[in-house]
Amino acid sequence: MAKVTINENRCKGCKLCISVCPKKIIIVQDKLNSKGFHPVGISDMEKCIGCAFCAMMCPDCVIEVEK
């Protein structure tokens, strides 16, 4: 199983990672981070296949994928 780690305080909620996730498990959270943005999160880590498309797409390099 893959593990996705998102640095929520650096995420600006651009949603680019959401558009490339083949399993559609990345969501925008309701809470705000320290900079006033809604960061993304993972809805169901069990479904993650570890493709790392989200990490490659992130312009701020806030996503890490471990297999």
C-alpha atoms as a PDB file:
ATOM      1  CA  MET A   1       0.000   0.000   0.000  1.00  0.00           C
ATOM      2  CA  ALA A   2       1.204   3.497  -0.821  1.00  0.00           C
ATOM      3  CA  LYS A   3       1.376   6.361   1.649  1.00  0.00           C
ATOM      4  CA  VAL A   4       0.747   9.965   0.608  1.00  0.00           C
ATOM      5  CA  THR A   5       1.970  12.811   2.792  1.00  0.00           C
ATOM      6  CA  ILE A   6       0.797  16.354   2.131  1.00  0.00           C
ATOM      7  CA  ASN A   7       2.386  19.395   3.749  1.00  0.00           C
ATOM      8  CA  GLU A   8      -0.933  21.109   4.439  1.00  0.00           C
ATOM      9  CA  ASN A   9       0.601  24.399   5.583  1.00  0.00           C
ATOM     10  CA  ARG A  10       2.353  24.876   2.231  1.00  0.00           C
ATOM     11  CA  CYS A  11      -0.570  23.723   0.043  1.00  0.00           C
ATOM     12  CA  LYS A  12      -2.315  26.600  -1.724  1.00  0.00           C
ATOM     13  CA  GLY A  13      -5.283  24.524  -2.876  1.00  0.00           C
ATOM     14  CA  CYS A  14      -4.660  24.898  -6.616  1.00  0.00           C
ATOM     15  CA  LYS A  15      -6.370  21.512  -7.213  1.00  0.00           C
ATOM     16  CA  LEU A  16      -3.966  20.413  -9.966  1.00  0.00           C
ATOM     17  CA  CYS A  17      -3.323  17.169  -8.086  1.00  0.00           C
ATOM     18  CA  ILE A  18      -7.049  16.414  -8.000  1.00  0.00           C
ATOM     19  CA  SER A  19      -7.253  16.538 -11.782  1.00  0.00           C
ATOM     20  CA  VAL A  20      -4.554  13.869 -12.307  1.00  0.00           C
ATOM     21  CA  CYS A  21      -5.473  11.336  -9.601  1.00  0.00           C
ATOM     22  CA  PRO A  22      -6.689   8.178 -11.388  1.00  0.00           C
ATOM     23  CA  LYS A  23      -8.502   6.943  -8.253  1.00  0.00           C
ATOM     24  CA  LYS A  24     -10.125  10.333  -7.465  1.00  0.00           C
ATOM     25  CA  ILE A  25      -9.182  10.156  -3.768  1.00  0.00           C
ATOM     26  CA  ILE A  26      -7.744  13.664  -3.399  1.00  0.00           C
ATOM     27  CA  ILE A  27     -10.203  16.155  -1.963  1.00  0.00           C
ATOM     28  CA  VAL A  28     -10.219  19.794  -0.863  1.00  0.00           C
ATOM     29  CA  GLN A  29     -10.560  20.032   2.907  1.00  0.00           C
ATOM     30  CA  ASP A  30     -12.980  22.363   4.667  1.00  0.00           C
ATOM     31  CA  LYS A  31     -10.354  23.680   7.089  1.00  0.00           C
ATOM     32  CA  LEU A  32      -7.952  26.522   6.343  1.00  0.00           C
ATOM     33  CA  ASN A  33      -4.179  26.258   6.635  1.00  0.00           C
ATOM     34  CA  SER A  34      -1.945  28.894   8.243  1.00  0.00           C
ATOM     35  CA  LYS A  35      -1.851  30.902   5.000  1.00  0.00           C
ATOM     36  CA  GLY A  36      -5.633  30.994   4.565  1.00  0.00           C
ATOM     37  CA  PHE A  37      -5.953  28.363   1.830  1.00  0.00           C
ATOM     38  CA  HIS A  38      -8.044  25.188   1.789  1.00  0.00           C
ATOM     39  CA  PRO A  39      -5.426  22.405   1.507  1.00  0.00           C
ATOM     40  CA  VAL A  40      -6.037  19.076  -0.188  1.00  0.00           C
ATOM     41  CA  GLY A  41      -6.239  15.764   1.618  1.00  0.00           C
ATOM     42  CA  ILE A  42      -6.668  12.074   0.902  1.00  0.00           C
ATOM     43  CA  SER A  43     -10.167  10.656   1.321  1.00  0.00           C
ATOM     44  CA  ASP A  44      -9.243   6.943   1.237  1.00  0.00           C
ATOM     45  CA  MET A  45      -5.556   6.036   1.536  1.00  0.00           C
ATOM     46  CA  GLU A  46      -6.385   2.336   0.983  1.00  0.00           C
ATOM     47  CA  LYS A  47      -7.332   3.066  -2.638  1.00  0.00           C
ATOM     48  CA  CYS A  48      -4.046   4.842  -3.470  1.00  0.00           C
ATOM     49  CA  ILE A  49      -1.987   2.942  -6.054  1.00  0.00           C
ATOM     50  CA  GLY A  50       1.185   4.988  -5.540  1.00  0.00           C
ATOM     51  CA  CYS A  51       1.363   6.365  -9.082  1.00  0.00           C
ATOM     52  CA  ALA A  52       2.732   9.717  -7.771  1.00  0.00           C
ATOM     53  CA  PHE A  53       0.972  11.717 -10.488  1.00  0.00           C
ATOM     54  CA  CYS A  54      -0.194  14.094  -7.756  1.00  0.00           C
ATOM     55  CA  ALA A  55       3.364  14.715  -6.558  1.00  0.00           C
ATOM     56  CA  MET A  56       4.612  15.285 -10.113  1.00  0.00           C
ATOM     57  CA  MET A  57       1.821  17.768 -10.840  1.00  0.00           C
ATOM     58  CA  CYS A  58       2.179  19.798  -7.617  1.00  0.00           C
ATOM     59  CA  PRO A  59       3.861  23.145  -8.447  1.00  0.00           C
ATOM     60  CA  ASP A  60       4.918  23.646  -4.818  1.00  0.00           C
ATOM     61  CA  CYS A  61       6.240  20.122  -4.157  1.00  0.00           C
ATOM     62  CA  VAL A  62       4.070  19.627  -1.076  1.00  0.00           C
ATOM     63  CA  ILE A  63       3.110  16.009  -1.836  1.00  0.00           C
ATOM     64  CA  GLU A  64       5.261  12.950  -1.091  1.00  0.00           C
ATOM     65  CA  VAL A  65       4.330   9.432  -2.172  1.00  0.00           C
ATOM     66  CA  GLU A  66       5.938   6.380  -0.576  1.00  0.00           C
ATOM     67  CA  LYS A  67       5.421   2.807  -1.735  1.00  0.00           C
END
